[in-house]
PDB file of N, CA and C in Angstrom:
ATOM      1  N   MET A   1       0.847  -1.181   0.000  1.00  0.00           N
ATOM      2  CA  MET A   1       0.000   0.000   0.000  1.00  0.00           C
ATOM      3  C   MET A   1       0.887   1.237   0.000  1.00  0.00           C
ATOM      4  N   ASN A   2       0.683   2.129  -0.935  1.00  0.00           N
ATOM      5  CA  ASN A   2       1.452   3.362  -1.032  1.00  0.00           C
ATOM      6  C   ASN A   2       0.687   4.458  -0.317  1.00  0.00           C
ATOM      7  N   VAL A   3       1.094   4.802   0.907  1.00  0.00           N
ATOM      8  CA  VAL A   3       0.356   5.777   1.704  1.00  0.00           C
ATOM      9  C   VAL A   3       0.679   7.212   1.341  1.00  0.00           C
ATOM     10  N   ARG A   4       1.677   7.435   0.467  1.00  0.00           N
ATOM     11  CA  ARG A   4       2.022   8.798   0.090  1.00  0.00           C
ATOM     12  C   ARG A   4       1.500   9.167  -1.296  1.00  0.00           C
ATOM     13  N   ALA A   5       0.744   8.280  -1.910  1.00  0.00           N
ATOM     14  CA  ALA A   5       0.187   8.580  -3.235  1.00  0.00           C
ATOM     15  C   ALA A   5      -0.852   9.683  -3.117  1.00  0.00           C
ATOM     16  N   ARG A   6      -0.860  10.562  -4.106  1.00  0.00           N
ATOM     17  CA  ARG A   6      -1.847  11.640  -4.109  1.00  0.00           C
ATOM     18  C   ARG A   6      -3.162  11.104  -4.662  1.00  0.00           C
ATOM     19  N   CYS A   7      -4.224  11.342  -3.930  1.00  0.00           N
ATOM     20  CA  CYS A   7      -5.529  10.833  -4.345  1.00  0.00           C
ATOM     21  C   CYS A   7      -6.601  11.775  -3.825  1.00  0.00           C
ATOM     22  N   THR A   8      -7.604  12.046  -4.630  1.00  0.00           N
ATOM     23  CA  THR A   8      -8.723  12.859  -4.173  1.00  0.00           C
ATOM     24  C   THR A   8      -9.989  12.043  -4.322  1.00  0.00           C
ATOM     25  N   ASN A   9     -11.028  12.479  -3.678  1.00  0.00           N
ATOM     26  CA  ASN A   9     -12.290  11.762  -3.760  1.00  0.00           C
ATOM     27  C   ASN A   9     -13.324  12.529  -4.564  1.00  0.00           C
ATOM     28  N   GLY A  10     -12.883  13.333  -5.497  1.00  0.00           N
ATOM     29  CA  GLY A  10     -13.809  14.039  -6.377  1.00  0.00           C
ATOM     30  C   GLY A  10     -14.383  15.301  -5.778  1.00  0.00           C
ATOM     31  N   GLY A  11     -13.787  15.818  -4.706  1.00  0.00           N
ATOM     32  CA  GLY A  11     -14.223  17.081  -4.139  1.00  0.00           C
ATOM     33  C   GLY A  11     -15.330  16.964  -3.116  1.00  0.00           C
ATOM     34  N   GLY A  12     -15.798  15.760  -2.831  1.00  0.00           N
ATOM     35  CA  GLY A  12     -16.843  15.583  -1.840  1.00  0.00           C
ATOM     36  C   GLY A  12     -16.271  15.475  -0.447  1.00  0.00           C
ATOM     37  N   GLY A  13     -17.008  14.837   0.432  1.00  0.00           N
ATOM     38  CA  GLY A  13     -16.565  14.662   1.801  1.00  0.00           C
ATOM     39  C   GLY A  13     -15.522  13.569   1.918  1.00  0.00           C
ATOM     40  N   VAL A  14     -15.103  13.332   3.125  1.00  0.00           N
ATOM     41  CA  VAL A  14     -14.109  12.301   3.420  1.00  0.00           C
ATOM     42  C   VAL A  14     -14.845  11.086   3.953  1.00  0.00           C
ATOM     43  N   TRP A  15     -14.437   9.894   3.486  1.00  0.00           N
ATOM     44  CA  TRP A  15     -15.100   8.686   3.960  1.00  0.00           C
ATOM     45  C   TRP A  15     -14.510   8.251   5.272  1.00  0.00           C
ATOM     46  N   GLY A  16     -15.359   7.868   6.210  1.00  0.00           N
ATOM     47  CA  GLY A  16     -14.914   7.343   7.496  1.00  0.00           C
ATOM     48  C   GLY A  16     -14.854   5.832   7.449  1.00  0.00           C
ATOM     49  N   ARG A  17     -14.430   5.220   8.545  1.00  0.00           N
ATOM     50  CA  ARG A  17     -14.312   3.775   8.640  1.00  0.00           C
ATOM     51  C   ARG A  17     -15.633   3.084   8.365  1.00  0.00           C
ATOM     52  N   SER A  18     -16.733   3.699   8.755  1.00  0.00           N
ATOM     53  CA  SER A  18     -18.042   3.079   8.607  1.00  0.00           C
ATOM     54  C   SER A  18     -18.549   3.121   7.162  1.00  0.00           C
ATOM     55  N   GLY A  19     -17.827   3.794   6.283  1.00  0.00           N
ATOM     56  CA  GLY A  19     -18.250   3.911   4.892  1.00  0.00           C
ATOM     57  C   GLY A  19     -19.138   5.110   4.648  1.00  0.00           C
ATOM     58  N   LYS A  20     -19.498   5.831   5.704  1.00  0.00           N
ATOM     59  CA  LYS A  20     -20.328   7.020   5.554  1.00  0.00           C
ATOM     60  C   LYS A  20     -19.470   8.187   5.100  1.00  0.00           C
ATOM     61  N   THR A  21     -20.060   9.088   4.339  1.00  0.00           N
ATOM     62  CA  THR A  21     -19.344  10.279   3.914  1.00  0.00           C
ATOM     63  C   THR A  21     -19.432  11.310   5.025  1.00  0.00           C
ATOM     64  N   LEU A  22     -18.281  11.800   5.443  1.00  0.00           N
ATOM     65  CA  LEU A  22     -18.222  12.820   6.472  1.00  0.00           C
ATOM     66  C   LEU A  22     -18.213  14.186   5.799  1.00  0.00           C
ATOM     67  N   PRO A  23     -18.481  15.254   6.552  1.00  0.00           N
ATOM     68  CA  PRO A  23     -18.504  16.583   5.948  1.00  0.00           C
ATOM     69  C   PRO A  23     -17.172  16.915   5.300  1.00  0.00           C
ATOM     70  N   PRO A  24     -17.183  17.717   4.216  1.00  0.00           N
ATOM     71  CA  PRO A  24     -15.927  18.114   3.582  1.00  0.00           C
ATOM     72  C   PRO A  24     -15.044  18.859   4.570  1.00  0.00           C
ATOM     73  N   SER A  25     -13.761  18.679   4.457  1.00  0.00           N
ATOM     74  CA  SER A  25     -12.801  19.392   5.284  1.00  0.00           C
ATOM     75  C   SER A  25     -11.629  19.767   4.398  1.00  0.00           C
ATOM     76  N   THR A  26     -10.695  20.487   4.974  1.00  0.00           N
ATOM     77  CA  THR A  26      -9.477  20.786   4.233  1.00  0.00           C
ATOM     78  C   THR A  26      -8.706  19.485   4.173  1.00  0.00           C
ATOM     79  N   GLU A  27      -8.661  18.870   3.013  1.00  0.00           N
ATOM     80  CA  GLU A  27      -8.100  17.543   2.888  1.00  0.00           C
ATOM     81  C   GLU A  27      -6.614  17.588   2.591  1.00  0.00           C
ATOM     82  N   ASP A  28      -5.872  16.649   3.175  1.00  0.00           N
ATOM     83  CA  ASP A  28      -4.448  16.527   2.923  1.00  0.00           C
ATOM     84  C   ASP A  28      -4.259  15.528   1.798  1.00  0.00           C
ATOM     85  N   PRO A  29      -3.854  15.978   0.612  1.00  0.00           N
ATOM     86  CA  PRO A  29      -3.725  15.062  -0.517  1.00  0.00           C
ATOM     87  C   PRO A  29      -2.597  14.049  -0.343  1.00  0.00           C
ATOM     88  N   MET A  30      -1.745  14.208   0.677  1.00  0.00           N
ATOM     89  CA  MET A  30      -0.654  13.273   0.891  1.00  0.00           C
ATOM     90  C   MET A  30      -1.143  11.977   1.538  1.00  0.00           C
ATOM     91  N   ILE A  31      -2.307  11.972   2.141  1.00  0.00           N
ATOM     92  CA  ILE A  31      -2.854  10.767   2.755  1.00  0.00           C
ATOM     93  C   ILE A  31      -3.847  10.178   1.769  1.00  0.00           C
ATOM     94  N   ASP A  32      -3.546   9.014   1.234  1.00  0.00           N
ATOM     95  CA  ASP A  32      -4.399   8.473   0.181  1.00  0.00           C
ATOM     96  C   ASP A  32      -5.711   7.920   0.738  1.00  0.00           C
ATOM     97  N   GLU A  33      -6.641   7.731  -0.165  1.00  0.00           N
ATOM     98  CA  GLU A  33      -7.998   7.334   0.200  1.00  0.00           C
ATOM     99  C   GLU A  33      -8.040   5.986   0.918  1.00  0.00           C
ATOM    100  N   GLU A  34      -7.229   5.059   0.505  1.00  0.00           N
ATOM    101  CA  GLU A  34      -7.219   3.732   1.145  1.00  0.00           C
ATOM    102  C   GLU A  34      -6.825   3.842   2.616  1.00  0.00           C
ATOM    103  N   LEU A  35      -5.825   4.653   2.917  1.00  0.00           N
ATOM    104  CA  LEU A  35      -5.411   4.852   4.306  1.00  0.00           C
ATOM    105  C   LEU A  35      -6.510   5.559   5.091  1.00  0.00           C
ATOM    106  N   ARG A  36      -7.144   6.550   4.491  1.00  0.00           N
ATOM    107  CA  ARG A  36      -8.241   7.262   5.174  1.00  0.00           C
ATOM    108  C   ARG A  36      -9.372   6.313   5.566  1.00  0.00           C
ATOM    109  N   GLN A  37      -9.643   5.339   4.698  1.00  0.00           N
ATOM    110  CA  GLN A  37     -10.742   4.413   4.963  1.00  0.00           C
ATOM    111  C   GLN A  37     -10.448   3.468   6.125  1.00  0.00           C
ATOM    112  N   ILE A  38      -9.181   3.153   6.362  1.00  0.00           N
ATOM    113  CA  ILE A  38      -8.881   2.194   7.432  1.00  0.00           C
ATOM    114  C   ILE A  38      -8.446   2.843   8.738  1.00  0.00           C
ATOM    115  N   LEU A  39      -8.086   4.137   8.701  1.00  0.00           N
ATOM    116  CA  LEU A  39      -7.684   4.807   9.936  1.00  0.00           C
ATOM    117  C   LEU A  39      -8.892   5.026  10.840  1.00  0.00           C
ATOM    118  N   ALA A  40      -8.657   4.853  12.129  1.00  0.00           N
ATOM    119  CA  ALA A  40      -9.673   5.123  13.144  1.00  0.00           C
ATOM    120  C   ALA A  40      -8.967   5.752  14.336  1.00  0.00           C
ATOM    121  N   CYS A  41      -9.708   6.429  15.165  1.00  0.00           N
ATOM    122  CA  CYS A  41      -9.139   7.037  16.361  1.00  0.00           C
ATOM    123  C   CYS A  41      -8.591   5.933  17.266  1.00  0.00           C
ATOM    124  N   PRO A  42      -7.330   6.028  17.686  1.00  0.00           N
ATOM    125  CA  PRO A  42      -6.772   4.995  18.551  1.00  0.00           C
ATOM    126  C   PRO A  42      -7.358   5.013  19.963  1.00  0.00           C
ATOM    127  N   ALA A  43      -7.962   6.136  20.363  1.00  0.00           N
ATOM    128  CA  ALA A  43      -8.528   6.231  21.703  1.00  0.00           C
ATOM    129  C   ALA A  43      -9.937   5.633  21.791  1.00  0.00           C
ATOM    130  N   CYS A  44     -10.795   5.925  20.777  1.00  0.00           N
ATOM    131  CA  CYS A  44     -12.192   5.487  20.861  1.00  0.00           C
ATOM    132  C   CYS A  44     -12.658   4.695  19.641  1.00  0.00           C
ATOM    133  N   ARG A  45     -11.789   4.572  18.630  1.00  0.00           N
ATOM    134  CA  ARG A  45     -12.098   3.892  17.370  1.00  0.00           C
ATOM    135  C   ARG A  45     -13.175   4.600  16.553  1.00  0.00           C
ATOM    136  N   GLY A  46     -13.344   5.883  16.797  1.00  0.00           N
ATOM    137  CA  GLY A  46     -14.343   6.671  16.083  1.00  0.00           C
ATOM    138  C   GLY A  46     -13.868   7.094  14.704  1.00  0.00           C
ATOM    139  N   ASP A  47     -14.812   7.607  13.904  1.00  0.00           N
ATOM    140  CA  ASP A  47     -14.511   8.136  12.577  1.00  0.00           C
ATOM    141  C   ASP A  47     -13.709   9.430  12.708  1.00  0.00           C
ATOM    142  N   LEU A  48     -12.939   9.739  11.680  1.00  0.00           N
ATOM    143  CA  LEU A  48     -12.027  10.869  11.716  1.00  0.00           C
ATOM    144  C   LEU A  48     -12.354  11.900  10.649  1.00  0.00           C
ATOM    145  N   ILE A  49     -11.968  13.145  10.910  1.00  0.00           N
ATOM    146  CA  ILE A  49     -12.050  14.230   9.948  1.00  0.00           C
ATOM    147  C   ILE A  49     -10.616  14.617   9.620  1.00  0.00           C
ATOM    148  N   PHE A  50     -10.301  14.694   8.331  1.00  0.00           N
ATOM    149  CA  PHE A  50      -8.934  14.969   7.895  1.00  0.00           C
ATOM    150  C   PHE A  50      -8.775  16.428   7.509  1.00  0.00           C
ATOM    151  N   GLU A  51      -7.802  17.093   8.111  1.00  0.00           N
ATOM    152  CA  GLU A  51      -7.436  18.458   7.755  1.00  0.00           C
ATOM    153  C   GLU A  51      -6.003  18.444   7.241  1.00  0.00           C
ATOM    154  N   GLU A  52      -5.513  19.590   6.826  1.00  0.00           N
ATOM    155  CA  GLU A  52      -4.182  19.666   6.229  1.00  0.00           C
ATOM    156  C   GLU A  52      -3.075  19.310   7.216  1.00  0.00           C
ATOM    157  N   THR A  53      -3.190  19.761   8.463  1.00  0.00           N
ATOM    158  CA  THR A  53      -2.106  19.556   9.427  1.00  0.00           C
ATOM    159  C   THR A  53      -2.479  18.654  10.593  1.00  0.00           C
ATOM    160  N   ARG A  54      -3.719  18.148  10.594  1.00  0.00           N
ATOM    161  CA  ARG A  54      -4.141  17.299  11.708  1.00  0.00           C
ATOM    162  C   ARG A  54      -5.308  16.414  11.310  1.00  0.00           C
ATOM    163  N   ILE A  55      -5.524  15.400  12.125  1.00  0.00           N
ATOM    164  CA  ILE A  55      -6.646  14.488  11.955  1.00  0.00           C
ATOM    165  C   ILE A  55      -7.465  14.582  13.236  1.00  0.00           C
ATOM    166  N   ILE A  56      -8.746  14.844  13.098  1.00  0.00           N
ATOM    167  CA  ILE A  56      -9.600  15.125  14.251  1.00  0.00           C
ATOM    168  C   ILE A  56     -10.567  13.986  14.503  1.00  0.00           C
ATOM    169  N   CYS A  57     -10.721  13.640  15.781  1.00  0.00           N
ATOM    170  CA  CYS A  57     -11.768  12.713  16.199  1.00  0.00           C
ATOM    171  C   CYS A  57     -12.801  13.529  16.973  1.00  0.00           C
ATOM    172  N   PRO A  58     -13.948  13.815  16.345  1.00  0.00           N
ATOM    173  CA  PRO A  58     -14.964  14.601  17.058  1.00  0.00           C
ATOM    174  C   PRO A  58     -15.593  13.839  18.226  1.00  0.00           C
ATOM    175  N   ALA A  59     -15.566  12.513  18.187  1.00  0.00           N
ATOM    176  CA  ALA A  59     -16.189  11.712  19.245  1.00  0.00           C
ATOM    177  C   ALA A  59     -15.487  11.899  20.588  1.00  0.00           C
ATOM    178  N   CYS A  60     -14.165  11.827  20.597  1.00  0.00           N
ATOM    179  CA  CYS A  60     -13.439  11.977  21.868  1.00  0.00           C
ATOM    180  C   CYS A  60     -12.675  13.301  21.937  1.00  0.00           C
ATOM    181  N   ARG A  61     -12.880  14.150  20.919  1.00  0.00           N
ATOM    182  CA  ARG A  61     -12.338  15.507  20.891  1.00  0.00           C
ATOM    183  C   ARG A  61     -10.816  15.555  20.985  1.00  0.00           C
ATOM    184  N   LYS A  62     -10.169  14.739  20.141  1.00  0.00           N
ATOM    185  CA  LYS A  62      -8.712  14.743  20.051  1.00  0.00           C
ATOM    186  C   LYS A  62      -8.304  15.132  18.635  1.00  0.00           C
ATOM    187  N   ALA A  63      -7.169  15.835  18.540  1.00  0.00           N
ATOM    188  CA  ALA A  63      -6.602  16.210  17.240  1.00  0.00           C
ATOM    189  C   ALA A  63      -5.200  15.618  17.161  1.00  0.00           C
ATOM    190  N   TYR A  64      -4.995  14.751  16.177  1.00  0.00           N
ATOM    191  CA  TYR A  64      -3.707  14.092  15.972  1.00  0.00           C
ATOM    192  C   TYR A  64      -2.939  14.843  14.895  1.00  0.00           C
ATOM    193  N   PRO A  65      -1.648  15.121  15.126  1.00  0.00           N
ATOM    194  CA  PRO A  65      -0.879  15.893  14.137  1.00  0.00           C
ATOM    195  C   PRO A  65      -0.505  15.072  12.904  1.00  0.00           C
ATOM    196  N   ILE A  66      -0.285  15.786  11.800  1.00  0.00           N
ATOM    197  CA  ILE A  66       0.292  15.200  10.594  1.00  0.00           C
ATOM    198  C   ILE A  66       1.634  15.884  10.422  1.00  0.00           C
ATOM    199  N   ARG A  67       2.714  15.107  10.495  1.00  0.00           N
ATOM    200  CA  ARG A  67       4.067  15.668  10.388  1.00  0.00           C
ATOM    201  C   ARG A  67       4.753  15.103   9.157  1.00  0.00           C
ATOM    202  N   ASP A  68       5.205  15.975   8.292  1.00  0.00           N
ATOM    203  CA  ASP A  68       5.871  15.573   7.041  1.00  0.00           C
ATOM    204  C   ASP A  68       5.018  14.596   6.238  1.00  0.00           C
ATOM    205  N   GLY A  69       3.698  14.818   6.246  1.00  0.00           N
ATOM    206  CA  GLY A  69       2.779  13.976   5.488  1.00  0.00           C
ATOM    207  C   GLY A  69       2.458  12.652   6.151  1.00  0.00           C
ATOM    208  N   ILE A  70       2.925  12.441   7.393  1.00  0.00           N
ATOM    209  CA  ILE A  70       2.702  11.179   8.095  1.00  0.00           C
ATOM    210  C   ILE A  70       1.790  11.421   9.287  1.00  0.00           C
ATOM    211  N   PRO A  71       0.644  10.731   9.364  1.00  0.00           N
ATOM    212  CA  PRO A  71      -0.236  10.876  10.521  1.00  0.00           C
ATOM    213  C   PRO A  71       0.429  10.297  11.772  1.00  0.00           C
ATOM    214  N   VAL A  72       0.432  11.073  12.843  1.00  0.00           N
ATOM    215  CA  VAL A  72       0.972  10.614  14.123  1.00  0.00           C
ATOM    216  C   VAL A  72      -0.227  10.239  14.988  1.00  0.00           C
ATOM    217  N   MET A  73      -0.594   8.960  14.948  1.00  0.00           N
ATOM    218  CA  MET A  73      -1.810   8.500  15.613  1.00  0.00           C
ATOM    219  C   MET A  73      -1.498   7.908  16.992  1.00  0.00           C
ATOM    220  N   LEU A  74      -0.741   8.659  17.778  1.00  0.00           N
ATOM    221  CA  LEU A  74      -0.417   8.267  19.143  1.00  0.00           C
ATOM    222  C   LEU A  74      -1.260   9.094  20.100  1.00  0.00           C
ATOM    223  N   ILE A  75      -1.928   8.449  21.030  1.00  0.00           N
ATOM    224  CA  ILE A  75      -2.789   9.161  21.975  1.00  0.00           C
ATOM    225  C   ILE A  75      -1.974  10.202  22.739  1.00  0.00           C
ATOM    226  N   SER A  76      -0.729   9.872  23.074  1.00  0.00           N
ATOM    227  CA  SER A  76       0.118  10.805  23.823  1.00  0.00           C
ATOM    228  C   SER A  76       0.489  12.058  23.013  1.00  0.00           C
ATOM    229  N   GLU A  77       0.392  12.000  21.698  1.00  0.00           N
ATOM    230  CA  GLU A  77       0.699  13.142  20.829  1.00  0.00           C
ATOM    231  C   GLU A  77      -0.533  13.973  20.498  1.00  0.00           C
ATOM    232  N   ALA A  78      -1.707  13.490  20.816  1.00  0.00           N
ATOM    233  CA  ALA A  78      -2.954  14.191  20.492  1.00  0.00           C
ATOM    234  C   ALA A  78      -3.112  15.438  21.360  1.00  0.00           C
ATOM    235  N   GLU A  79      -3.760  16.435  20.777  1.00  0.00           N
ATOM    236  CA  GLU A  79      -4.084  17.657  21.504  1.00  0.00           C
ATOM    237  C   GLU A  79      -5.594  17.741  21.655  1.00  0.00           C
ATOM    238  N   PRO A  80      -6.078  18.430  22.693  1.00  0.00           N
ATOM    239  CA  PRO A  80      -7.525  18.603  22.829  1.00  0.00           C
ATOM    240  C   PRO A  80      -8.077  19.388  21.644  1.00  0.00           C
ATOM    241  N   TRP A  81      -9.295  19.035  21.212  1.00  0.00           N
ATOM    242  CA  TRP A  81      -9.938  19.715  20.088  1.00  0.00           C
ATOM    243  C   TRP A  81     -11.316  20.184  20.517  1.00  0.00           C
ATOM    244  N   THR A  82     -11.627  21.422  20.153  1.00  0.00           N
ATOM    245  CA  THR A  82     -12.973  21.952  20.365  1.00  0.00           C
ATOM    246  C   THR A  82     -13.507  22.439  19.042  1.00  0.00           C
ATOM    247  N   GLU A  83     -14.759  22.149  18.787  1.00  0.00           N
ATOM    248  CA  GLU A  83     -15.405  22.555  17.538  1.00  0.00           C
ATOM    249  C   GLU A  83     -15.599  24.063  17.550  1.00  0.00           C
ATOM    250  N   LYS A  84     -15.252  24.700  16.431  1.00  0.00           N
ATOM    251  CA  LYS A  84     -15.425  26.156  16.329  1.00  0.00           C
ATOM    252  C   LYS A  84     -16.896  26.464  16.167  1.00  0.00           C
ATOM    253  N   ALA A  85     -17.353  27.465  16.901  1.00  0.00           N
ATOM    254  CA  ALA A  85     -18.770  27.845  16.858  1.00  0.00           C
ATOM    255  C   ALA A  85     -19.103  28.675  15.671  1.00  0.00           C
TER     256      ALA A  85
END
């Protein structure tokens, strides 16, 4: 599996583990669609929202960093996330 391949999903939302389409976000083209489909929050196994510099789990309110195009999915590296009003 080539996790650094550039791939888009046609401009729509991002697919979560459950196969449901999540709301569109600022997508990081460095994380390919296959990896997005299998990634889950390591803390709660919830669906994720992908942004350019982080991956967010709205269920447990954690934001995981993306460093040099690589998702850092370590609970100890996550920062608290609050939804903007």
